[in-house]
N, C-alpha and C. Protein backbone atom coordinates (compact mmCIF):
# COMPACT_ATOMS: atom_id res chain seq x y z
N UNK A 1 112.70 98.66 62.93
CA UNK A 1 111.55 98.81 64.33
C UNK A 1 112.49 99.92 64.67
N UNK A 2 111.57 101.26 65.60
CA UNK A 2 112.34 101.94 66.96
C UNK A 2 112.58 100.72 67.87
N UNK A 3 114.15 101.56 68.15
CA UNK A 3 114.55 101.31 69.27
C UNK A 3 113.74 101.49 70.64
N UNK A 4 113.33 100.41 71.55
CA UNK A 4 112.86 100.45 72.78
C UNK A 4 113.68 100.88 74.05
N UNK A 5 113.23 102.11 74.66
CA UNK A 5 114.43 102.22 75.98
C UNK A 5 113.63 102.06 77.15
N UNK A 6 113.73 102.05 78.29
CA UNK A 6 112.98 101.92 79.42
C UNK A 6 112.97 103.43 80.04
N UNK A 7 111.75 103.96 80.76
CA UNK A 7 111.46 105.35 81.11
C UNK A 7 111.34 105.42 82.92
N UNK A 8 111.67 106.92 83.28
CA UNK A 8 111.61 106.93 84.32
C UNK A 8 110.61 107.97 84.58
N UNK A 9 109.77 107.78 85.87
CA UNK A 9 109.18 109.33 85.89
C UNK A 9 109.07 109.62 87.09
N UNK A 10 109.51 110.89 87.28
CA UNK A 10 109.96 111.68 88.47
C UNK A 10 109.45 113.07 88.50
N UNK A 11 108.97 113.53 89.57
CA UNK A 11 108.59 114.88 89.52
C UNK A 11 107.48 115.24 88.30
N UNK A 12 106.57 114.90 87.63
CA UNK A 12 105.87 114.93 86.74
C UNK A 12 106.65 114.71 85.63
N UNK A 13 107.69 114.10 84.87
CA UNK A 13 108.52 114.05 84.07
C UNK A 13 108.98 112.96 83.40
N UNK A 14 108.98 112.51 81.88
CA UNK A 14 109.10 110.61 82.29
C UNK A 14 110.14 111.28 81.03
N UNK A 15 111.38 110.44 81.99
CA UNK A 15 113.05 110.47 81.61
C UNK A 15 112.94 109.59 80.31
N UNK A 16 113.56 109.84 78.92
CA UNK A 16 114.37 108.26 78.56
C UNK A 16 115.62 107.75 78.81
N UNK A 17 115.26 106.35 79.84
CA UNK A 17 116.81 106.18 80.62
C UNK A 17 117.84 106.13 79.44
N UNK A 18 119.04 106.68 79.68
CA UNK A 18 120.23 106.21 78.77
C UNK A 18 120.27 108.01 77.82
N UNK A 19 119.34 108.77 78.06
CA UNK A 19 119.19 110.36 77.40
C UNK A 19 118.45 111.24 77.73
N UNK A 20 119.13 112.05 77.47
CA UNK A 20 118.57 113.27 78.61
C UNK A 20 116.93 113.87 78.08
N UNK A 21 116.27 113.10 77.45
CA UNK A 21 114.88 113.67 76.75
C UNK A 21 113.78 113.58 77.54
N UNK A 22 113.32 114.64 77.99
CA UNK A 22 112.01 114.24 78.72
C UNK A 22 110.30 114.80 78.12
N UNK A 23 109.47 114.41 78.27
CA UNK A 23 108.18 115.66 78.49
C UNK A 23 107.29 114.53 79.35
N UNK A 24 106.50 115.70 79.63
CA UNK A 24 105.49 116.33 81.01
C UNK A 24 104.73 114.94 80.81
N UNK A 25 105.04 114.36 82.30
CA UNK A 25 103.75 113.19 82.06
C UNK A 25 102.31 113.27 81.45
N UNK A 26 101.71 114.65 82.19
CA UNK A 26 100.50 114.96 81.47
C UNK A 26 100.68 115.04 79.69
N UNK A 27 101.47 114.97 78.73
CA UNK A 27 101.21 115.00 77.84
C UNK A 27 101.55 113.58 76.85
N UNK A 28 101.23 112.43 77.80
CA UNK A 28 101.45 111.10 77.59
C UNK A 28 100.21 110.34 77.00
N UNK A 29 99.93 110.36 76.16
CA UNK A 29 98.98 109.93 74.96
C UNK A 29 98.33 107.92 75.98
N UNK A 30 98.58 108.01 77.07
CA UNK A 30 98.13 106.49 77.08
C UNK A 30 97.04 106.08 78.23
N UNK A 31 96.40 107.61 78.19
CA UNK A 31 94.97 107.13 79.36
C UNK A 31 95.13 106.95 80.63
N UNK A 32 96.55 107.17 81.22
CA UNK A 32 97.08 107.27 82.42
C UNK A 32 97.73 108.34 82.66
N UNK A 33 97.53 109.47 83.67
CA UNK A 33 97.86 110.79 84.17
C UNK A 33 98.39 110.70 85.37
N UNK A 34 100.15 111.12 85.41
CA UNK A 34 100.45 111.14 86.92
C UNK A 34 100.46 112.77 87.34
N UNK A 35 100.16 112.41 88.37
CA UNK A 35 100.18 113.93 88.79
C UNK A 35 101.26 114.23 90.41
N UNK A 36 102.30 115.41 89.74
CA UNK A 36 103.51 115.72 90.53
C UNK A 36 103.07 115.98 91.74
N UNK A 37 103.55 115.22 92.91
CA UNK A 37 103.01 114.74 94.23
C UNK A 37 104.22 115.48 95.07
N UNK A 38 103.90 116.31 96.38
CA UNK A 38 104.09 116.45 97.73
C UNK A 38 104.31 116.05 98.72
N UNK A 39 105.42 115.54 99.34
CA UNK A 39 105.29 114.05 100.50
C UNK A 39 105.74 114.95 101.39
N UNK A 40 105.21 114.77 102.61
CA UNK A 40 105.84 115.73 104.24
C UNK A 40 105.41 114.35 105.00
N UNK A 41 106.01 114.57 106.34
CA UNK A 41 105.95 113.72 107.32
C UNK A 41 105.32 114.68 108.36
N UNK A 42 104.42 113.62 109.84
CA UNK A 42 104.35 113.77 110.68
C UNK A 42 104.63 113.72 111.87
N UNK A 43 105.23 114.46 112.43
CA UNK A 43 106.65 114.00 113.31
C UNK A 43 106.63 114.26 115.10
N UNK A 44 105.78 113.72 115.74
CA UNK A 44 106.16 115.14 116.47
C UNK A 44 105.05 116.11 117.32
N UNK A 45 104.04 115.70 116.66
CA UNK A 45 102.98 117.22 116.84
C UNK A 45 101.44 116.58 117.00
N UNK A 46 100.88 117.11 117.00
CA UNK A 46 99.20 116.68 117.10
C UNK A 46 99.15 117.50 116.08
N UNK A 47 99.06 118.14 115.24
CA UNK A 47 98.55 119.18 113.93
C UNK A 47 98.62 118.21 113.04
N UNK A 48 96.67 118.29 112.31
CA UNK A 48 96.86 118.13 111.14
C UNK A 48 97.83 118.39 109.69
N UNK A 49 98.87 117.27 109.47
CA UNK A 49 99.50 117.72 108.98
C UNK A 49 98.99 117.10 107.22
N UNK A 50 99.39 117.84 106.34
CA UNK A 50 98.93 117.15 104.35
C UNK A 50 100.19 116.51 104.75
N UNK A 51 99.92 114.95 104.47
CA UNK A 51 101.47 114.30 104.72
C UNK A 51 101.63 113.84 102.89
N UNK A 52 100.96 113.66 101.91
CA UNK A 52 100.27 113.81 100.58
C UNK A 52 99.96 114.79 99.80
N UNK A 53 99.96 115.37 98.64
CA UNK A 53 98.98 116.48 98.31
C UNK A 53 99.62 116.55 96.55
N UNK A 54 98.74 116.68 96.15
CA UNK A 54 98.64 116.90 94.42
C UNK A 54 97.70 117.57 93.77
N UNK A 55 98.14 118.96 93.02
CA UNK A 55 96.91 119.66 92.34
C UNK A 55 96.54 119.07 91.13
N UNK A 56 95.08 119.16 91.06
CA UNK A 56 94.36 118.26 90.11
C UNK A 56 93.46 119.81 89.34
N UNK A 57 93.84 120.12 87.96
CA UNK A 57 93.53 121.25 87.42
C UNK A 57 92.36 121.01 87.06
N UNK A 58 91.69 122.68 87.04
CA UNK A 58 90.48 122.72 86.68
C UNK A 58 89.86 122.11 84.93
N UNK A 59 88.46 121.01 84.86
CA UNK A 59 87.90 120.52 84.35
C UNK A 59 89.33 119.59 83.77
N UNK A 60 89.95 118.55 84.81
CA UNK A 60 90.49 117.72 84.07
C UNK A 60 89.68 115.75 84.79
N UNK A 61 89.17 116.40 86.02
CA UNK A 61 88.78 115.03 86.13
C UNK A 61 87.45 114.62 85.96
N UNK A 62 87.25 114.00 85.02
CA UNK A 62 86.31 113.46 84.16
C UNK A 62 85.34 112.42 84.56
N UNK A 63 83.75 112.69 84.54
CA UNK A 63 83.00 112.35 85.50
C UNK A 63 83.12 110.87 84.76
N UNK A 64 83.50 109.81 85.97
CA UNK A 64 83.27 108.33 85.89
C UNK A 64 84.96 107.98 85.94
N UNK A 65 85.72 108.78 85.92
CA UNK A 65 87.26 108.57 85.79
C UNK A 65 87.69 108.00 87.94
N UNK A 66 88.53 107.70 87.66
CA UNK A 66 89.15 106.76 88.85
C UNK A 66 90.87 107.87 88.78
N UNK A 67 90.76 108.54 90.15
CA UNK A 67 92.20 108.68 90.78
C UNK A 67 92.45 107.72 91.59
N UNK A 68 94.11 107.42 91.23
CA UNK A 68 94.63 106.22 92.51
C UNK A 68 95.66 106.83 93.24
N UNK A 69 95.47 107.09 95.04
CA UNK A 69 96.54 107.54 95.56
C UNK A 69 97.41 106.41 95.79
N UNK A 70 98.65 106.53 96.09
CA UNK A 70 99.22 105.17 96.24
C UNK A 70 100.35 105.55 97.49
N UNK A 71 100.30 105.06 98.52
CA UNK A 71 101.65 105.61 99.24
C UNK A 71 102.14 104.01 100.08
N UNK A 72 103.30 104.62 100.51
CA UNK A 72 103.88 104.09 101.32
C UNK A 72 104.43 104.73 103.10
N UNK A 73 103.91 104.45 104.18
CA UNK A 73 104.31 105.24 105.42
C UNK A 73 104.89 104.21 106.60
N UNK A 74 105.79 104.96 107.47
CA UNK A 74 106.41 104.33 108.46
C UNK A 74 105.86 105.01 109.58
N UNK A 75 105.35 104.33 110.63
CA UNK A 75 104.57 105.10 111.69
C UNK A 75 105.44 104.25 113.09
N UNK A 76 105.15 105.11 114.03
CA UNK A 76 105.74 104.37 115.35
C UNK A 76 105.52 104.85 116.54
N UNK A 77 105.07 105.03 117.40
CA UNK A 77 105.25 105.64 118.91
C UNK A 77 106.54 105.00 119.95
N UNK A 78 106.88 106.20 119.94
CA UNK A 78 108.23 106.30 120.93
C UNK A 78 107.98 106.54 122.25
N UNK A 79 106.84 107.31 122.18
CA UNK A 79 107.04 108.52 123.13
C UNK A 79 105.64 107.89 124.19
N UNK A 80 105.17 106.38 124.18
CA UNK A 80 104.32 106.12 125.22
C UNK A 80 103.09 106.54 125.16
N UNK A 81 102.80 106.01 126.09
CA UNK A 81 101.09 106.38 126.43
C UNK A 81 99.86 105.55 125.35
N UNK A 82 99.03 105.87 125.05
CA UNK A 82 98.18 105.58 123.31
C UNK A 82 97.81 106.51 122.98
N UNK A 83 98.37 106.85 121.84
CA UNK A 83 98.03 107.53 121.35
C UNK A 83 97.24 106.79 119.98
N UNK A 84 97.05 108.25 119.25
CA UNK A 84 96.16 107.32 118.31
C UNK A 84 96.00 108.08 116.91
N UNK A 85 96.11 107.70 115.72
CA UNK A 85 95.75 108.45 114.48
C UNK A 85 94.55 108.52 114.14
N UNK A 86 94.36 109.77 113.19
CA UNK A 86 93.45 110.19 112.88
C UNK A 86 93.83 110.16 110.81
N UNK A 87 92.97 110.04 109.70
CA UNK A 87 93.74 110.18 108.56
C UNK A 87 92.56 110.56 107.80
N UNK A 88 92.67 111.73 106.88
CA UNK A 88 91.39 112.26 106.31
C UNK A 88 92.31 112.38 104.55
N UNK A 89 90.84 111.96 103.63
CA UNK A 89 91.66 112.65 102.38
C UNK A 89 90.51 113.59 102.09
N UNK A 90 91.22 115.12 101.60
CA UNK A 90 91.23 116.24 101.11
C UNK A 90 90.56 116.16 99.80
N UNK A 91 89.61 117.21 99.30
CA UNK A 91 89.38 117.60 97.79
C UNK A 91 88.87 118.76 98.04
N UNK A 92 89.91 120.22 97.63
CA UNK A 92 89.85 121.19 97.90
C UNK A 92 89.74 121.07 99.18
N UNK A 93 88.80 122.02 100.16
CA UNK A 93 88.53 121.68 101.19
C UNK A 93 87.35 120.48 102.36
N UNK A 94 87.10 119.95 101.24
CA UNK A 94 85.96 118.93 101.90
C UNK A 94 86.84 117.85 101.77
N UNK A 95 86.58 116.90 102.83
CA UNK A 95 86.91 115.63 103.47
C UNK A 95 86.27 114.62 103.70
N UNK A 96 86.91 113.69 103.75
CA UNK A 96 86.24 112.04 104.20
C UNK A 96 87.50 111.78 105.06
N UNK A 97 87.16 111.72 106.78
CA UNK A 97 87.50 111.11 107.77
C UNK A 97 87.52 109.99 107.46
N UNK A 98 88.94 108.86 107.06
CA UNK A 98 88.82 107.82 106.25
C UNK A 98 88.89 106.82 108.31
N UNK A 99 89.56 107.48 109.04
CA UNK A 99 89.68 106.96 110.12
C UNK A 99 89.82 107.88 111.36
N UNK A 100 88.88 107.98 112.08
CA UNK A 100 88.99 109.12 113.29
C UNK A 100 90.25 108.57 114.72
N UNK A 101 90.36 107.53 114.68
CA UNK A 101 90.94 107.27 115.96
C UNK A 101 91.67 106.01 115.94
N UNK A 102 92.19 105.69 115.00
CA UNK A 102 93.13 104.22 114.98
C UNK A 102 94.22 104.51 116.22
N UNK A 103 94.04 103.35 117.44
CA UNK A 103 95.64 103.28 117.89
C UNK A 103 96.63 102.47 117.36
N UNK A 104 97.53 103.25 118.33
CA UNK A 104 99.21 103.25 117.70
C UNK A 104 99.30 102.56 118.98
N UNK A 105 100.13 101.29 118.90
CA UNK A 105 101.11 100.53 119.74
C UNK A 105 102.87 101.33 119.55
N UNK A 106 103.60 100.83 120.25
CA UNK A 106 104.88 101.09 120.08
C UNK A 106 105.69 100.37 119.33
N UNK A 107 105.31 99.44 118.59
CA UNK A 107 106.32 98.75 117.53
C UNK A 107 106.11 99.81 116.08
N UNK A 108 107.02 99.47 115.70
CA UNK A 108 107.44 100.02 114.08
C UNK A 108 106.06 99.20 112.77
N UNK A 109 105.24 100.39 112.43
CA UNK A 109 104.43 99.70 111.65
C UNK A 109 104.80 100.15 109.91
N UNK A 110 105.25 99.47 108.72
CA UNK A 110 105.20 99.97 107.65
C UNK A 110 104.53 99.35 106.41
N UNK A 111 103.72 100.38 106.18
CA UNK A 111 102.54 100.48 105.54
C UNK A 111 102.15 100.41 104.36
N UNK A 112 102.22 99.40 103.49
CA UNK A 112 101.83 100.18 102.05
C UNK A 112 100.43 100.88 101.69
N UNK A 113 99.90 101.56 101.16
CA UNK A 113 98.40 101.88 101.54
C UNK A 113 98.01 102.23 99.75
N UNK A 114 96.73 102.37 99.39
CA UNK A 114 95.98 102.73 98.05
C UNK A 114 94.79 102.94 98.34
N UNK A 115 94.41 104.33 98.26
CA UNK A 115 92.86 105.13 98.27
C UNK A 115 92.64 105.02 96.50
N UNK A 116 91.53 104.58 96.23
CA UNK A 116 90.74 104.71 95.09
C UNK A 116 89.57 105.79 95.08
N UNK A 117 89.73 106.94 94.38
CA UNK A 117 88.66 107.85 94.41
C UNK A 117 87.80 108.07 92.98
N UNK A 118 86.82 107.54 92.98
CA UNK A 118 85.41 107.43 91.87
C UNK A 118 85.13 109.16 91.47
N UNK A 119 85.04 110.14 90.41
CA UNK A 119 84.02 111.15 90.28
C UNK A 119 82.77 110.34 89.66
N UNK A 120 81.98 110.66 90.62
CA UNK A 120 80.38 110.16 89.81
C UNK A 120 79.35 111.43 89.99
N UNK A 121 79.31 111.55 88.83
CA UNK A 121 78.47 113.00 88.94
C UNK A 121 79.33 114.30 89.66
N UNK A 122 78.77 115.23 90.26
CA UNK A 122 79.09 115.98 91.00
C UNK A 122 79.73 115.29 92.81
N UNK A 123 79.67 113.96 92.91
CA UNK A 123 80.04 113.29 94.01
C UNK A 123 81.77 112.88 93.75
N UNK A 124 82.42 112.35 94.44
CA UNK A 124 83.66 111.63 94.73
C UNK A 124 83.07 110.03 95.78
N UNK A 125 82.96 109.22 95.37
CA UNK A 125 83.33 107.82 96.23
C UNK A 125 84.73 107.58 96.78
N UNK A 126 85.03 107.32 97.85
CA UNK A 126 86.26 106.59 98.33
C UNK A 126 86.11 105.44 99.02
N UNK A 127 86.68 104.62 98.10
CA UNK A 127 86.75 103.10 98.46
C UNK A 127 86.94 102.95 99.48
N UNK A 128 86.74 102.25 100.35
CA UNK A 128 87.57 101.51 101.76
C UNK A 128 87.77 100.38 101.84
N UNK A 129 87.81 99.65 102.64
CA UNK A 129 88.17 97.77 102.55
C UNK A 129 86.67 97.20 102.66
N UNK A 130 87.04 96.03 102.25
CA UNK A 130 85.79 94.80 102.63
C UNK A 130 86.53 93.15 102.50
N UNK A 131 86.44 92.62 103.43
CA UNK A 131 86.51 91.50 103.16
C UNK A 131 85.96 90.44 103.27
N UNK A 132 84.61 90.84 103.77
CA UNK A 132 83.33 90.04 103.33
C UNK A 132 82.89 89.10 102.16
N UNK A 133 83.29 89.80 101.07
CA UNK A 133 82.79 90.42 99.69
C UNK A 133 84.11 89.67 99.12
N UNK A 134 85.21 88.90 99.36
CA UNK A 134 86.58 88.32 98.66
C UNK A 134 87.13 89.49 98.39
N UNK A 135 87.11 90.59 98.95
CA UNK A 135 88.13 91.59 98.47
C UNK A 135 89.10 91.95 98.99
N UNK A 136 90.35 92.28 99.25
CA UNK A 136 91.30 92.72 99.56
C UNK A 136 91.39 93.77 100.37
N UNK A 137 92.09 94.14 101.57
CA UNK A 137 91.96 95.60 101.59
C UNK A 137 93.74 96.44 100.65
N UNK A 138 92.58 97.22 100.15
CA UNK A 138 92.94 98.48 99.60
C UNK A 138 94.00 99.55 100.37
N UNK A 139 93.25 99.98 101.36
CA UNK A 139 93.34 100.88 102.54
C UNK A 139 92.53 100.73 103.84
N UNK A 140 93.87 100.73 104.43
CA UNK A 140 93.12 100.08 105.68
C UNK A 140 93.81 100.77 106.51
N UNK A 141 93.57 101.18 107.85
CA UNK A 141 94.86 101.91 109.32
C UNK A 141 95.17 101.20 110.48
N UNK A 142 96.41 100.59 110.50
CA UNK A 142 95.98 99.80 111.41
C UNK A 142 95.63 98.14 111.70
N UNK A 143 94.84 98.03 112.54
CA UNK A 143 94.23 96.74 112.80
C UNK A 143 92.77 96.68 112.78
N UNK A 144 92.19 95.98 111.55
CA UNK A 144 90.99 95.91 110.96
C UNK A 144 89.69 95.64 111.44
N UNK A 145 89.38 96.51 112.61
CA UNK A 145 88.19 95.58 112.89
C UNK A 145 86.43 95.86 112.64
N UNK A 146 86.96 97.09 111.60
CA UNK A 146 85.08 97.69 111.30
C UNK A 146 84.36 96.61 111.32
N UNK A 147 83.24 96.64 111.28
CA UNK A 147 82.20 96.00 110.87
C UNK A 147 81.61 95.24 109.34
N UNK A 148 81.99 94.18 108.99
CA UNK A 148 81.80 93.70 106.98
C UNK A 148 80.65 93.94 106.91
N UNK A 149 80.37 94.09 105.60
CA UNK A 149 78.90 94.69 104.83
C UNK A 149 79.67 94.92 103.77
N UNK A 150 78.62 94.88 102.67
CA UNK A 150 78.71 94.96 101.13
C UNK A 150 79.32 96.77 100.69
N UNK A 151 78.94 97.45 101.34
CA UNK A 151 79.37 99.27 101.12
C UNK A 151 80.39 99.37 101.41
N UNK A 152 81.49 99.66 100.64
CA UNK A 152 83.18 99.74 100.77
C UNK A 152 82.97 100.88 100.46
N UNK A 153 82.43 102.10 100.46
CA UNK A 153 81.82 103.35 100.60
C UNK A 153 81.24 104.50 101.75
N UNK A 154 81.13 103.07 102.43
CA UNK A 154 80.84 103.75 103.78
C UNK A 154 81.80 103.78 104.86
N UNK A 155 81.59 104.47 105.89
CA UNK A 155 81.91 105.15 106.86
C UNK A 155 82.98 104.39 108.08
N UNK A 156 81.68 103.38 107.92
CA UNK A 156 82.02 102.20 108.33
C UNK A 156 83.28 100.57 107.95
N UNK A 157 83.58 101.49 106.80
CA UNK A 157 83.96 100.69 106.00
C UNK A 157 85.78 101.60 105.65
N UNK A 158 85.81 102.53 106.15
CA UNK A 158 86.57 103.65 105.83
C UNK A 158 87.04 103.99 104.61
N UNK A 159 85.74 104.47 104.21
CA UNK A 159 85.58 104.89 102.90
C UNK A 159 84.65 106.10 102.96
N UNK A 160 83.92 106.93 101.61
CA UNK A 160 82.87 107.59 102.14
C UNK A 160 82.75 108.24 101.14
N UNK A 161 82.14 109.53 101.21
CA UNK A 161 81.44 110.04 99.37
C UNK A 161 81.24 111.55 100.34
N UNK A 162 81.46 112.17 98.69
CA UNK A 162 81.89 113.84 99.33
C UNK A 162 80.75 113.99 98.06
N UNK A 163 79.77 114.87 98.25
CA UNK A 163 78.95 115.24 97.90
C UNK A 163 78.98 116.56 97.46
N UNK A 164 78.11 117.26 96.17
CA UNK A 164 77.84 118.57 95.96
C UNK A 164 79.44 119.23 95.99
N UNK A 165 80.18 118.43 94.71
CA UNK A 165 81.35 118.77 94.40
C UNK A 165 81.76 119.51 93.11
N UNK A 166 82.31 120.50 93.21
CA UNK A 166 82.95 121.20 91.36
C UNK A 166 84.18 120.92 91.29
N UNK A 167 84.53 121.05 89.85
CA UNK A 167 86.01 120.41 89.24
C UNK A 167 85.69 121.01 88.27
N UNK A 168 85.10 122.45 88.32
CA UNK A 168 85.69 123.38 86.95
C UNK A 168 87.17 124.33 87.36
N UNK A 169 87.34 124.40 88.84
CA UNK A 169 88.38 124.93 89.33
C UNK A 169 89.98 124.13 89.71
N UNK A 170 90.91 124.13 89.42
CA UNK A 170 92.18 123.36 89.96
C UNK A 170 91.71 123.21 91.41
N UNK A 171 91.93 122.37 92.35
CA UNK A 171 91.92 122.13 93.24
C UNK A 171 93.09 121.07 93.66
N UNK A 172 93.04 120.75 95.45
CA UNK A 172 94.35 120.04 96.20
C UNK A 172 93.37 119.37 95.64
N UNK A 173 94.48 117.83 96.28
CA UNK A 173 93.74 116.48 96.59
C UNK A 173 94.69 115.99 97.12
N UNK A 174 94.75 115.88 98.79
CA UNK A 174 95.48 115.64 99.81
C UNK A 174 95.14 114.14 100.46
N UNK A 175 96.16 113.99 101.12
CA UNK A 175 95.77 112.84 102.50
C UNK A 175 96.52 113.51 103.65
N UNK A 176 95.45 113.71 104.58
CA UNK A 176 95.97 114.25 106.18
C UNK A 176 96.50 113.77 107.87
N UNK A 177 97.28 113.71 108.15
CA UNK A 177 96.85 112.80 109.34
C UNK A 177 97.55 113.61 110.69
N UNK A 178 96.63 112.91 111.91
CA UNK A 178 96.88 113.33 112.84
C UNK A 178 96.88 113.23 113.60
N UNK A 179 98.48 113.37 114.90
CA UNK A 179 98.50 112.57 116.58
C UNK A 179 97.21 113.41 116.57
N UNK A 180 96.89 112.39 118.24
CA UNK A 180 95.76 112.69 119.32
C UNK A 180 97.01 113.68 120.06
N UNK A 181 97.93 113.39 120.09
CA UNK A 181 98.70 114.71 120.61
C UNK A 181 99.97 114.79 120.48
N UNK A 182 100.39 115.29 120.87
CA UNK A 182 102.06 115.38 120.55
C UNK A 182 102.74 114.70 121.72
N UNK A 183 103.66 114.51 121.04
CA UNK A 183 105.01 113.43 121.53
C UNK A 183 106.34 113.14 121.41
N UNK A 184 107.50 113.61 121.94
CA UNK A 184 108.18 113.63 120.89
C UNK A 184 108.88 112.08 120.62
N UNK A 185 109.08 111.91 120.11
CA UNK A 185 108.75 109.94 119.30
C UNK A 185 107.82 109.54 119.00
N UNK A 186 106.62 110.68 118.19
CA UNK A 186 105.47 110.01 117.65
C UNK A 186 105.90 110.49 116.33
N UNK A 187 106.22 109.21 115.17
CA UNK A 187 106.32 109.96 113.71
C UNK A 187 105.40 108.55 113.19
N UNK A 188 104.89 109.58 111.50
CA UNK A 188 104.16 108.97 110.62
C UNK A 188 105.53 109.76 109.32
N UNK A 189 105.88 109.16 108.88
CA UNK A 189 106.58 108.99 107.66
C UNK A 189 106.22 108.78 106.41
N UNK A 190 106.17 109.52 105.61
CA UNK A 190 105.85 109.13 104.34
C UNK A 190 106.62 108.90 103.58
N UNK A 191 107.28 107.52 102.68
CA UNK A 191 108.36 107.25 102.57
C UNK A 191 108.44 107.52 100.87
N UNK A 192 107.49 107.56 100.41
CA UNK A 192 107.10 107.41 98.95
C UNK A 192 105.41 108.13 98.58
N UNK A 193 105.18 108.66 97.60
CA UNK A 193 103.86 108.25 97.31
C UNK A 193 103.11 108.71 95.49
N UNK A 194 102.32 108.11 95.55
CA UNK A 194 102.19 108.49 93.48
C UNK A 194 100.74 108.84 93.35
N UNK A 195 99.92 109.71 92.40
CA UNK A 195 98.85 109.96 92.77
C UNK A 195 98.56 109.59 90.66
N UNK A 196 97.82 109.30 90.61
CA UNK A 196 97.74 109.04 88.93
C UNK A 196 95.96 108.91 88.70
N UNK A 197 95.92 109.08 87.64
CA UNK A 197 94.31 108.97 87.18
C UNK A 197 94.43 107.86 86.02
N UNK A 198 93.67 106.81 86.19
CA UNK A 198 92.97 105.89 85.14
C UNK A 198 92.17 106.29 84.24
């Protein structure tokens, strides 16, 4: 029987621990594909900032397939006032506004997020959240105050559907955030992120 060694995924490569052997993650025959991710912070600015970004190759996202964006962020407002934070998910130049203006207090927030995106024909369905049907939140922005219901793909659930999408050219998949106004002491720090296809 072959020896089994632990593996590490970083920078789009799978490395066998204890050796220098690597293979591109895209070549793994596991049915799961990890995409190399670039992360950025949105600090002290009112500019819309891409905090997570990965390139999805042409013809790579098949009908019915799911891509998951998982990240952890830390945000706080030390500048005073009552700023809000907007969050969008982009596929190419099309986007879903997951939340337009979430209030951010002065305390520190450290939150793990998970956003699930399904390709359904020429559409992308971004799941929001719903507690009324016994489903735990996967993505939410701050306080959970939206109206309950059963459609987790609706704007009221902080999800949505992008229509008329094409998948035959490489496009960027991004999460972008924006403070309502610039201020020294307003921080949105992306601590880590992964994007993978199931």
